[in-house]
Amino acid sequence: MSDTATAAAAPMQRVTLRLGQIRVNDNNVRQDLSLDEKFLGSVAANGVKVPVVVLPLGEDTYELKMGHRRYFAARATKEAEQEQDAIEVPAFVLDPSLREAGEDFIDQLIENDDDYRRGLTELEQADALFGAVGAGMKQARVAELTGRSRKEVSQAVKTAKSVGERTRSALTEAGTYDLDLEVLGVLGEFDDDPAAVDRLLDAYAKGRFEFQVQWERDDREEQRARAEVRPQLAAAGVRLAEDDDTLPATAEPLSELDGPDGEPMTAEAHAECPGHVATWAENPREPGEVEYFCTAPERFGHYPPQEDAPETGSDQAEEQPQAASEAKASEPSREYVKAGNKAYRAAEKARQAWLKDLIGRKTAPKPLAAFITRQLLACPKPVAQWVGDAGRRDLVKELTGYDAPAERAATATPAKLTLLNFAVLAATFEKRMGEVRTWRTDPAARSAVYELREIRQDARTWLKFLAQIGYPLSSVEQAIVDDEAYQEGQPDTADAHRQAYEDTPAAVSAEDTEDAS
């Protein structure tokens, strides 16, 4: 074996040196040391942990080859030069006989090139912080040594603990490593539901993460509430139709039927009817809310308000079931409507959270001033109708985070004033979109909501602008912007119905009439 090979196999000598023994390499190509506050704080708290690399010059002095940032950061921890020279750092000493000409420059390139270096991901950093705490170190000490706040350490520890192996496997499979702690914390929240994690990762890739988070949280709360309601209904002897499509075509909601006294039918008054059944509400005010139906109102003697019962054997009695069936054919399925309502409400919450974050910034996006001016000059229906509304004022407080936004305006910067003005317009458009059926395009919704077409147009204006300044539209919002029927999550029965409706001459006639008006 050659002498060179023997020398190359020998390990570098590790020693402890004083900074006064080390001379800076004149061939260092780095122009900017980037000694930021966080790095300086870390060296001040921990000292130099990673050894510098030096080459002996003789007379107990060494030339610095690798570690210039660590060297100067260590010196920055002391003011007097004598104190700086006395600072001790770990070092690896190279063998001069093994160095080639120009190797200094190659070492610098290899050490610092991004293609060769990889920092820890957010999750890996969180695991390290969690590991330190798990080993017995106090969170306050972890924060001190790493230059993080106690809140950041606490969040990282909580996230590392909540993200389980199934979610980590999903991250690996998806090749997703750039997630921040906030996103990882959400994934940890749904660690017990692999399907939800997959949906969230898919939404993150599509830029719709905030919407999917809200949808998943709403869905989880809905399932929890339904689990509580089911035994309550069973104890009361009420049948539950989990899926609206299992209701017979003759079923009618009690809200559309008269009771025995001519007053609107109540669930209590109808409880003994053989056709009494409950199903999940189409647009629940609270999770787990149900609506009550009669499965065969004509058979059991219930009729719509102000409609007399037809005489037995009459033509009207024979034609009524057929007429009711034809009327129902013009409406989308309740399952489709419930899915759309759920998506719309989730989008509303996610959108308003995004608006609150935007309005809380110190600077305003450039398009805001022009949009505000244009809306105030044009004074469209949302502005004209809702500017003075009490509900709008409450929403402004929510979006701005101020109990007295008008008082905040007295000391606001010009940029903040723009954002406060925008908050007022945001509240007016959000109030205009408070009608949950805004997402619907079917004639049943238009006949039930006055100005639905105009509301959709205002919603389109608003959502287009938000998309322009960076808001990620959800699928239900994108359908409004495109003026198309909402597709995602739509059952096949609703697809078939909508296609049948669009192919009928009556549908064309209805559209022409509304456009003409």
Protein backbone atom coordinates (compact mmCIF):
# COMPACT_ATOMS: atom_id res chain seq x y z
CA MET A 1 0.00 0.00 0.00
CA SER A 2 1.37 3.45 -0.91
CA ASP A 3 2.20 6.11 1.64
CA THR A 4 -0.39 8.39 0.09
CA ALA A 5 -3.15 5.80 0.46
CA THR A 6 -2.16 5.21 4.09
CA ALA A 7 -2.25 8.92 4.85
CA ALA A 8 -5.61 9.37 3.12
CA ALA A 9 -7.13 6.62 5.25
CA ALA A 10 -6.02 8.31 8.48
CA PRO A 11 -8.78 10.29 10.20
CA MET A 12 -8.51 14.05 10.65
CA GLN A 13 -7.29 15.10 14.07
CA ARG A 14 -9.94 16.79 16.23
CA VAL A 15 -8.65 19.45 18.62
CA THR A 16 -9.86 22.49 20.53
CA LEU A 17 -8.37 25.82 19.40
CA ARG A 18 -8.56 29.41 20.55
CA LEU A 19 -9.75 31.88 17.92
CA GLY A 20 -6.48 33.74 18.42
CA GLN A 21 -4.65 30.73 16.97
CA ILE A 22 -6.69 30.79 13.74
CA ARG A 23 -5.93 32.99 10.71
CA VAL A 24 -8.62 33.77 8.13
CA ASN A 25 -8.07 32.26 4.69
CA ASP A 26 -7.30 34.97 2.11
CA ASN A 27 -8.76 32.72 -0.58
CA ASN A 28 -12.26 32.69 0.92
CA VAL A 29 -14.71 33.45 -1.92
CA ARG A 30 -17.72 34.22 0.28
CA GLN A 31 -18.57 37.93 0.04
CA ASP A 32 -21.52 38.04 2.40
CA LEU A 33 -21.29 36.15 5.70
CA SER A 34 -25.05 36.68 6.37
CA LEU A 35 -24.60 36.86 10.12
CA ASP A 36 -28.29 37.29 10.83
CA GLU A 37 -29.68 37.76 14.31
CA LYS A 38 -30.95 34.19 14.60
CA PHE A 39 -27.55 32.67 13.71
CA LEU A 40 -25.67 35.02 16.03
CA GLY A 41 -28.11 34.24 18.82
CA SER A 42 -27.60 30.52 18.35
CA VAL A 43 -23.81 30.81 18.54
CA ALA A 44 -24.07 33.10 21.56
CA ALA A 45 -26.31 30.57 23.35
CA ASN A 46 -24.60 27.34 22.29
CA GLY A 47 -21.10 28.24 21.20
CA VAL A 48 -19.70 26.69 18.02
CA LYS A 49 -21.04 23.13 17.81
CA VAL A 50 -19.83 22.08 14.34
CA PRO A 51 -16.02 21.99 14.18
CA VAL A 52 -14.25 24.38 11.85
CA VAL A 53 -11.62 22.92 9.50
CA VAL A 54 -8.05 24.28 9.61
CA LEU A 55 -4.61 23.68 8.14
CA PRO A 56 -1.50 24.01 10.36
CA LEU A 57 0.82 26.91 9.54
CA GLY A 58 3.41 26.26 12.22
CA GLU A 59 4.22 28.02 15.49
CA ASP A 60 0.85 27.01 16.99
CA THR A 61 -1.14 28.83 14.31
CA TYR A 62 -3.66 27.52 11.80
CA GLU A 63 -5.34 28.73 8.61
CA LEU A 64 -9.14 28.57 8.45
CA LYS A 65 -10.39 26.46 5.54
CA MET A 66 -14.06 25.85 6.42
CA GLY A 67 -16.29 27.61 8.92
CA HIS A 68 -15.85 31.36 8.31
CA ARG A 69 -19.44 32.16 9.39
CA ARG A 70 -18.98 30.22 12.63
CA TYR A 71 -15.62 31.91 13.22
CA PHE A 72 -16.93 35.48 12.86
CA ALA A 73 -20.18 34.71 14.71
CA ALA A 74 -18.13 33.42 17.65
CA ARG A 75 -16.03 36.60 17.63
CA ALA A 76 -19.25 38.68 17.64
CA THR A 77 -20.17 37.24 21.04
CA LYS A 78 -17.43 39.33 22.70
CA GLU A 79 -16.52 42.99 22.33
CA ALA A 80 -12.84 43.11 23.32
CA GLU A 81 -10.34 41.55 20.90
CA GLN A 82 -8.50 39.87 23.78
CA GLU A 83 -11.74 38.17 24.87
CA GLN A 84 -12.45 37.13 21.27
CA ASP A 85 -9.01 35.56 20.88
CA ALA A 86 -9.61 33.48 24.03
CA ILE A 87 -12.84 31.87 22.73
CA GLU A 88 -12.37 28.13 22.20
CA VAL A 89 -13.91 26.24 19.27
CA PRO A 90 -13.72 22.62 18.09
CA ALA A 91 -11.63 22.08 14.97
CA PHE A 92 -10.51 19.39 12.55
CA VAL A 93 -6.85 19.70 11.49
CA LEU A 94 -6.03 18.71 7.91
CA ASP A 95 -2.82 17.01 6.82
CA PRO A 96 -0.96 19.49 4.52
CA SER A 97 0.71 16.65 2.63
CA LEU A 98 -2.65 15.49 1.29
CA ARG A 99 -3.77 18.85 -0.13
CA GLU A 100 -3.81 19.56 -3.86
CA ALA A 101 -3.36 22.93 -5.48
CA GLY A 102 -6.72 24.71 -5.74
CA GLU A 103 -8.43 22.36 -3.29
CA ASP A 104 -9.36 25.32 -1.04
CA PHE A 105 -11.78 26.55 -3.66
CA ILE A 106 -13.31 23.12 -4.33
CA ASP A 107 -13.87 22.63 -0.58
CA GLN A 108 -15.73 25.94 -0.34
CA LEU A 109 -17.93 25.03 -3.28
CA ILE A 110 -18.78 21.58 -1.93
CA GLU A 111 -19.39 22.85 1.61
CA ASN A 112 -21.73 25.65 0.64
CA ASP A 113 -23.42 24.67 -2.63
CA ASP A 114 -27.18 24.20 -2.20
CA ASP A 115 -27.02 21.10 -4.41
CA TYR A 116 -24.95 19.38 -1.73
CA ARG A 117 -26.58 20.78 1.40
CA ARG A 118 -30.10 20.16 2.65
CA GLY A 119 -31.59 21.84 5.65
CA LEU A 120 -34.04 19.99 7.89
CA THR A 121 -37.69 20.15 6.89
CA GLU A 122 -40.17 21.81 9.25
CA LEU A 123 -41.30 18.39 10.46
CA GLU A 124 -37.72 17.23 11.03
CA GLN A 125 -37.01 20.41 12.99
CA ALA A 126 -40.18 19.82 15.01
CA ASP A 127 -39.05 16.24 15.69
CA ALA A 128 -35.70 17.56 16.94
CA LEU A 129 -37.38 20.03 19.29
CA PHE A 130 -39.80 17.34 20.45
CA GLY A 131 -36.89 14.99 21.02
CA ALA A 132 -35.07 17.53 23.16
CA VAL A 133 -38.16 18.08 25.31
CA GLY A 134 -38.78 14.32 25.47
CA ALA A 135 -35.23 13.81 26.71
CA GLY A 136 -35.96 16.08 29.68
CA MET A 137 -34.98 19.57 28.54
CA LYS A 138 -37.41 22.33 29.53
CA GLN A 139 -39.17 24.09 26.66
CA ALA A 140 -37.85 27.44 27.90
CA ARG A 141 -34.30 26.12 27.64
CA VAL A 142 -34.96 24.68 24.18
CA ALA A 143 -36.23 28.09 23.08
CA GLU A 144 -33.15 29.79 24.53
CA LEU A 145 -30.71 27.45 22.82
CA THR A 146 -32.42 27.47 19.42
CA GLY A 147 -33.32 31.15 19.18
CA ARG A 148 -37.03 30.37 18.95
CA SER A 149 -39.88 31.74 21.00
CA ARG A 150 -41.52 29.52 23.59
CA LYS A 151 -44.69 29.61 21.50
CA GLU A 152 -42.81 28.32 18.45
CA VAL A 153 -41.25 25.51 20.47
CA SER A 154 -44.60 24.59 21.99
CA GLN A 155 -46.28 24.50 18.57
CA ALA A 156 -43.45 22.40 17.11
CA VAL A 157 -43.57 19.91 19.97
CA LYS A 158 -47.36 19.61 19.68
CA THR A 159 -47.13 19.12 15.91
CA ALA A 160 -44.39 16.48 16.08
CA LYS A 161 -46.42 14.59 18.67
CA SER A 162 -49.67 14.73 16.67
CA VAL A 163 -48.31 13.74 13.23
CA GLY A 164 -48.36 9.94 13.37
CA GLU A 165 -46.76 7.28 11.23
CA ARG A 166 -49.70 7.00 8.82
CA THR A 167 -49.56 10.70 8.03
CA ARG A 168 -45.77 10.61 7.75
CA SER A 169 -46.08 7.73 5.30
CA ALA A 170 -48.61 9.76 3.29
CA LEU A 171 -46.18 12.69 3.19
CA THR A 172 -43.40 10.42 1.98
CA GLU A 173 -45.62 8.82 -0.65
CA ALA A 174 -46.74 12.24 -1.89
CA GLY A 175 -43.17 13.54 -1.85
CA THR A 176 -44.34 16.55 0.16
CA TYR A 177 -41.62 17.86 2.46
CA ASP A 178 -42.01 21.65 2.26
CA LEU A 179 -45.01 21.95 4.60
CA ASP A 180 -44.83 24.55 7.35
CA LEU A 181 -45.79 23.92 10.97
CA GLU A 182 -49.29 25.35 10.53
CA VAL A 183 -50.09 22.92 7.72
CA LEU A 184 -48.45 20.03 9.55
CA GLY A 185 -50.47 20.88 12.65
CA VAL A 186 -53.68 20.55 10.64
CA LEU A 187 -52.57 17.18 9.26
CA GLY A 188 -51.89 16.09 12.82
CA GLU A 189 -55.42 17.14 13.72
CA PHE A 190 -56.72 14.55 11.23
CA ASP A 191 -54.05 11.92 11.84
CA ASP A 192 -56.75 9.39 12.77
CA ASP A 193 -58.42 9.76 9.36
CA PRO A 194 -56.07 8.74 6.50
CA ALA A 195 -58.68 9.62 3.85
CA ALA A 196 -58.96 13.15 5.24
CA VAL A 197 -55.15 13.51 5.21
CA ASP A 198 -55.10 12.42 1.56
CA ARG A 199 -57.80 14.95 0.68
CA LEU A 200 -55.93 17.69 2.52
CA LEU A 201 -52.66 16.89 0.75
CA ASP A 202 -54.45 16.88 -2.60
CA ALA A 203 -56.07 20.23 -1.78
CA TYR A 204 -52.67 21.64 -0.72
CA ALA A 205 -51.22 20.66 -4.10
CA LYS A 206 -54.13 22.40 -5.85
CA GLY A 207 -53.91 25.56 -3.73
CA ARG A 208 -57.23 24.94 -1.97
CA PHE A 209 -55.94 23.88 1.42
CA GLU A 210 -57.80 26.45 3.56
CA PHE A 211 -61.14 25.49 2.04
CA GLN A 212 -60.53 21.77 2.53
CA VAL A 213 -59.48 22.33 6.14
CA GLN A 214 -62.75 24.11 6.84
CA TRP A 215 -64.74 21.44 5.01
CA GLU A 216 -63.03 18.64 6.96
CA ARG A 217 -63.62 20.40 10.28
CA ASP A 218 -67.26 21.04 9.43
CA ASP A 219 -67.67 17.44 8.33
CA ARG A 220 -66.09 16.11 11.53
CA GLU A 221 -68.36 18.30 13.65
CA GLU A 222 -71.35 17.18 11.59
CA GLN A 223 -70.51 13.50 12.06
CA ARG A 224 -70.00 14.01 15.79
CA ALA A 225 -73.35 15.78 16.12
CA ARG A 226 -75.15 13.13 14.06
CA ALA A 227 -73.75 10.40 16.29
CA GLU A 228 -75.45 12.15 19.22
CA VAL A 229 -78.75 12.70 17.41
CA ARG A 230 -79.26 9.14 16.13
CA PRO A 231 -79.88 7.52 19.55
CA GLN A 232 -82.12 10.45 20.52
CA LEU A 233 -84.34 9.84 17.48
CA ALA A 234 -84.33 6.10 18.11
CA ALA A 235 -85.37 6.65 21.73
CA ALA A 236 -88.23 8.84 20.54
CA GLY A 237 -89.34 6.18 18.06
CA VAL A 238 -88.60 8.36 15.02
CA ARG A 239 -87.38 6.69 11.86
CA LEU A 240 -84.29 8.27 10.29
CA ALA A 241 -83.64 8.33 6.56
CA GLU A 242 -79.85 8.72 6.47
CA ASP A 243 -79.88 9.27 2.73
CA ASP A 244 -82.55 11.57 1.29
CA ASP A 245 -82.64 9.46 -1.84
CA THR A 246 -84.23 6.66 0.22
CA LEU A 247 -87.32 8.84 0.76
CA PRO A 248 -90.19 7.92 -1.56
CA ALA A 249 -91.10 10.35 -4.34
CA THR A 250 -94.34 11.16 -2.51
CA ALA A 251 -92.54 12.43 0.62
CA GLU A 252 -93.10 16.06 1.58
CA PRO A 253 -91.46 18.16 4.32
CA LEU A 254 -93.80 19.00 7.18
CA SER A 255 -92.97 22.68 6.66
CA GLU A 256 -95.02 22.48 3.45
CA LEU A 257 -98.04 20.78 5.00
CA ASP A 258 -100.94 21.97 7.15
CA GLY A 259 -101.69 20.41 10.48
CA PRO A 260 -105.16 19.20 11.60
CA ASP A 261 -106.01 22.69 12.87
CA GLY A 262 -105.04 24.38 9.62
CA GLU A 263 -101.81 25.66 11.16
CA PRO A 264 -98.37 24.65 9.84
CA MET A 265 -97.61 21.05 10.68
CA THR A 266 -95.23 20.46 13.58
CA ALA A 267 -93.11 17.40 14.30
CA GLU A 268 -94.98 16.89 17.56
CA ALA A 269 -98.39 16.95 15.86
CA HIS A 270 -97.21 14.56 13.17
CA ALA A 271 -95.33 12.15 15.45
CA GLU A 272 -98.06 9.49 15.47
CA CYS A 273 -98.52 9.51 11.68
CA PRO A 274 -97.33 6.24 10.05
CA GLY A 275 -95.48 8.35 7.48
CA HIS A 276 -93.45 10.27 10.09
CA VAL A 277 -89.72 10.24 9.25
CA ALA A 278 -86.69 12.43 9.85
CA THR A 279 -83.75 13.15 7.58
CA TRP A 280 -80.70 15.37 7.87
CA ALA A 281 -81.46 19.03 7.20
CA GLU A 282 -80.74 20.42 3.76
CA ASN A 283 -79.20 23.63 5.13
CA PRO A 284 -78.64 23.03 8.85
CA ARG A 285 -78.26 25.98 11.19
CA GLU A 286 -76.46 23.65 13.60
CA PRO A 287 -74.62 20.37 12.92
CA GLY A 288 -76.90 17.37 13.34
CA GLU A 289 -80.11 19.27 12.65
CA VAL A 290 -82.92 17.22 11.10
CA GLU A 291 -86.02 17.96 9.04
CA TYR A 292 -89.24 15.98 9.31
CA PHE A 293 -91.21 14.53 6.42
CA CYS A 294 -94.41 12.68 5.77
CA THR A 295 -93.71 9.83 3.39
CA ALA A 296 -97.26 9.80 1.92
CA PRO A 297 -99.16 13.00 2.85
CA GLU A 298 -102.11 12.39 0.49
CA ARG A 299 -102.55 8.86 1.84
CA PHE A 300 -102.52 10.05 5.44
CA GLY A 301 -104.66 13.12 4.88
CA HIS A 302 -102.10 15.96 4.90
CA TYR A 303 -102.17 18.73 2.30
CA PRO A 304 -100.26 21.90 1.45
CA PRO A 305 -101.47 25.12 3.11
CA GLN A 306 -104.80 26.53 1.82
CA GLU A 307 -105.41 23.44 -0.26
CA ASP A 308 -108.57 21.50 0.46
CA ALA A 309 -108.49 17.75 0.45
CA PRO A 310 -109.83 16.46 -2.92
CA GLU A 311 -112.92 14.30 -2.92
CA THR A 312 -112.26 10.60 -3.08
CA GLY A 313 -112.63 9.25 -6.63
CA SER A 314 -112.49 12.67 -8.29
CA ASP A 315 -110.23 13.44 -11.25
CA GLN A 316 -108.28 15.86 -9.02
CA ALA A 317 -107.55 13.07 -6.52
CA GLU A 318 -106.20 10.86 -9.33
CA GLU A 319 -104.13 13.62 -10.98
CA GLN A 320 -102.58 15.10 -7.82
CA PRO A 321 -99.89 12.44 -7.20
CA GLN A 322 -98.79 12.70 -10.84
CA ALA A 323 -98.65 16.50 -10.64
CA ALA A 324 -96.59 16.33 -7.45
CA SER A 325 -94.20 13.90 -9.08
CA GLU A 326 -93.77 16.18 -12.10
CA ALA A 327 -93.08 19.16 -9.81
CA LYS A 328 -90.39 17.24 -7.96
CA ALA A 329 -88.72 16.31 -11.25
CA SER A 330 -87.76 19.98 -11.75
CA GLU A 331 -85.70 20.02 -8.54
CA PRO A 332 -82.21 18.59 -7.97
CA SER A 333 -81.86 15.83 -5.40
CA ARG A 334 -81.65 16.84 -1.76
CA GLU A 335 -78.32 15.01 -1.44
CA TYR A 336 -76.87 17.19 -4.20
CA VAL A 337 -78.26 20.34 -2.56
CA LYS A 338 -76.91 19.33 0.85
CA ALA A 339 -73.45 18.69 -0.63
CA GLY A 340 -73.48 22.07 -2.37
CA ASN A 341 -74.72 23.90 0.71
CA LYS A 342 -72.00 22.27 2.79
CA ALA A 343 -69.28 23.26 0.31
CA TYR A 344 -70.65 26.81 0.05
CA ARG A 345 -70.67 27.33 3.82
CA ALA A 346 -67.15 25.91 4.17
CA ALA A 347 -65.96 28.25 1.39
CA GLU A 348 -67.63 31.20 3.13
CA LYS A 349 -65.77 30.52 6.40
CA ALA A 350 -62.43 29.96 4.67
CA ARG A 351 -62.89 33.09 2.52
CA GLN A 352 -63.70 35.32 5.46
CA ALA A 353 -60.69 33.96 7.38
CA TRP A 354 -58.53 34.83 4.36
CA LEU A 355 -60.06 38.32 4.21
CA LYS A 356 -59.37 38.85 7.91
CA ASP A 357 -55.73 37.95 7.36
CA LEU A 358 -55.51 40.29 4.36
CA ILE A 359 -57.13 43.20 6.19
CA GLY A 360 -54.80 42.65 9.15
CA ARG A 361 -51.70 43.33 7.04
CA LYS A 362 -49.72 46.57 7.16
CA THR A 363 -49.69 47.08 3.39
CA ALA A 364 -52.50 46.81 0.88
CA PRO A 365 -52.32 45.07 -2.52
CA LYS A 366 -52.13 47.65 -5.31
CA PRO A 367 -55.51 46.79 -6.93
CA LEU A 368 -57.44 47.53 -3.70
CA ALA A 369 -57.62 51.33 -4.04
CA ALA A 370 -58.99 51.18 -7.59
CA PHE A 371 -61.54 48.51 -6.63
CA ILE A 372 -62.76 50.52 -3.63
CA THR A 373 -63.13 53.69 -5.70
CA ARG A 374 -64.90 51.90 -8.54
CA GLN A 375 -67.41 50.25 -6.21
CA LEU A 376 -68.15 53.45 -4.31
CA LEU A 377 -68.72 55.39 -7.54
CA ALA A 378 -70.81 52.67 -9.19
CA CYS A 379 -72.66 51.85 -5.93
CA PRO A 380 -73.84 48.35 -6.93
CA LYS A 381 -76.56 46.55 -5.00
CA PRO A 382 -74.28 45.11 -2.29
CA VAL A 383 -72.93 48.57 -1.47
CA ALA A 384 -76.29 50.31 -1.71
CA GLN A 385 -78.14 47.68 0.28
CA TRP A 386 -75.75 46.72 3.05
CA VAL A 387 -73.48 49.68 3.91
CA GLY A 388 -75.70 50.82 6.79
CA ASP A 389 -76.82 47.39 7.91
CA ALA A 390 -76.15 46.43 11.53
CA GLY A 391 -75.03 42.95 10.49
CA ARG A 392 -72.52 44.51 8.13
CA ARG A 393 -71.08 46.57 11.00
CA ASP A 394 -70.61 43.40 13.05
CA LEU A 395 -68.87 41.71 10.13
CA VAL A 396 -66.54 44.71 9.72
CA LYS A 397 -65.52 44.31 13.35
CA GLU A 398 -64.88 40.62 12.75
CA LEU A 399 -62.84 41.20 9.59
CA THR A 400 -60.74 44.02 11.05
CA GLY A 401 -60.37 42.64 14.56
CA TYR A 402 -61.30 46.06 15.99
CA ASP A 403 -64.26 46.71 18.27
CA ALA A 404 -64.25 50.35 17.12
CA PRO A 405 -62.92 50.43 13.53
CA ALA A 406 -63.86 54.10 13.11
CA GLU A 407 -61.64 55.07 16.04
CA ARG A 408 -58.77 53.02 14.60
CA ALA A 409 -59.04 55.05 11.39
CA ALA A 410 -58.02 58.20 13.29
CA THR A 411 -54.45 56.92 13.73
CA ALA A 412 -54.16 54.58 10.75
CA THR A 413 -51.49 54.91 8.07
CA PRO A 414 -52.66 55.56 4.47
CA ALA A 415 -52.15 51.87 3.65
CA LYS A 416 -54.16 50.81 6.70
CA LEU A 417 -56.93 53.24 5.76
CA THR A 418 -57.17 51.53 2.39
CA LEU A 419 -57.54 48.18 4.11
CA LEU A 420 -60.20 49.54 6.50
CA ASN A 421 -62.17 50.93 3.56
CA PHE A 422 -61.83 47.59 1.84
CA ALA A 423 -63.17 45.88 4.98
CA VAL A 424 -66.40 47.86 4.63
CA LEU A 425 -66.82 46.78 1.01
CA ALA A 426 -65.86 43.21 1.89
CA ALA A 427 -68.59 43.10 4.51
CA THR A 428 -71.20 44.37 2.03
CA PHE A 429 -70.33 41.75 -0.59
CA GLU A 430 -70.15 39.00 2.01
CA LYS A 431 -73.61 40.00 3.28
CA ARG A 432 -74.91 39.87 -0.28
CA MET A 433 -73.54 36.33 -0.57
CA GLY A 434 -75.11 35.26 2.70
CA GLU A 435 -77.86 33.52 0.72
CA VAL A 436 -76.72 29.89 0.71
CA ARG A 437 -78.47 29.18 -2.60
CA THR A 438 -76.12 31.58 -4.40
CA TRP A 439 -74.22 28.56 -5.74
CA ARG A 440 -77.30 26.99 -7.33
CA THR A 441 -78.30 27.34 -10.98
CA ASP A 442 -81.45 25.19 -10.98
CA PRO A 443 -84.86 26.83 -11.62
CA ALA A 444 -86.19 25.67 -8.25
CA ALA A 445 -83.63 27.85 -6.47
CA ARG A 446 -84.29 30.83 -8.74
CA SER A 447 -88.00 30.60 -8.15
CA ALA A 448 -87.45 30.45 -4.39
CA VAL A 449 -84.98 33.34 -4.12
CA TYR A 450 -85.82 36.76 -5.48
CA GLU A 451 -82.90 38.24 -7.42
CA LEU A 452 -80.85 35.03 -7.32
CA ARG A 453 -79.46 35.74 -10.78
CA GLU A 454 -78.40 39.24 -9.66
CA ILE A 455 -76.92 37.89 -6.43
CA ARG A 456 -74.83 35.43 -8.44
CA GLN A 457 -73.61 38.26 -10.68
CA ASP A 458 -72.51 40.30 -7.66
CA ALA A 459 -70.85 37.20 -6.21
CA ARG A 460 -69.05 36.70 -9.52
CA THR A 461 -67.70 40.26 -9.42
CA TRP A 462 -66.49 39.82 -5.85
CA LEU A 463 -64.91 36.40 -6.28
CA LYS A 464 -63.16 37.39 -9.52
CA PHE A 465 -61.54 40.31 -7.74
CA LEU A 466 -60.46 38.20 -4.77
CA ALA A 467 -58.90 35.68 -7.15
CA GLN A 468 -57.06 38.57 -8.83
CA ILE A 469 -55.39 39.53 -5.54
CA GLY A 470 -54.41 35.99 -4.62
CA TYR A 471 -57.41 34.28 -3.01
CA PRO A 472 -57.54 30.56 -3.98
CA LEU A 473 -61.07 29.85 -5.17
CA SER A 474 -62.69 26.62 -4.04
CA SER A 475 -64.51 24.50 -6.60
CA VAL A 476 -67.93 25.83 -5.61
CA GLU A 477 -66.67 29.42 -5.88
CA GLN A 478 -65.04 28.70 -9.23
CA ALA A 479 -68.38 27.39 -10.50
CA ILE A 480 -69.98 30.74 -9.56
CA VAL A 481 -67.22 32.68 -11.33
CA ASP A 482 -67.63 30.49 -14.43
CA ASP A 483 -71.43 30.74 -14.12
CA GLU A 484 -71.69 26.97 -14.30
CA ALA A 485 -73.45 24.34 -12.23
CA TYR A 486 -71.43 23.06 -9.28
CA GLN A 487 -70.07 19.61 -10.12
CA GLU A 488 -67.86 18.38 -7.30
CA GLY A 489 -69.53 15.78 -5.11
CA GLN A 490 -72.66 15.78 -7.26
CA PRO A 491 -74.56 12.46 -7.31
CA ASP A 492 -75.32 10.75 -10.60
CA THR A 493 -79.05 11.31 -10.10
CA ALA A 494 -78.51 15.07 -10.02
CA ASP A 495 -76.33 14.88 -13.14
CA ALA A 496 -79.06 13.03 -14.97
CA HIS A 497 -81.69 15.45 -13.75
CA ARG A 498 -79.75 18.54 -14.77
CA GLN A 499 -79.03 17.15 -18.22
CA ALA A 500 -82.71 16.27 -18.67
CA TYR A 501 -83.69 19.77 -17.58
CA GLU A 502 -81.23 21.46 -19.93
CA ASP A 503 -82.50 19.37 -22.86
CA THR A 504 -86.16 20.39 -22.44
CA PRO A 505 -87.78 23.23 -24.44
CA ALA A 506 -89.20 24.57 -21.16
CA ALA A 507 -85.71 25.14 -19.81
CA VAL A 508 -84.72 27.16 -22.86
CA SER A 509 -87.89 29.19 -22.58
CA ALA A 510 -87.28 29.97 -18.92
CA GLU A 511 -83.70 31.11 -19.61
CA ASP A 512 -84.81 33.33 -22.49
CA THR A 513 -87.47 34.95 -20.35
CA GLU A 514 -85.07 35.77 -17.51
CA ASP A 515 -82.46 37.15 -19.87
CA ALA A 516 -85.08 39.31 -21.56
CA SER A 517 -86.22 40.72 -18.27
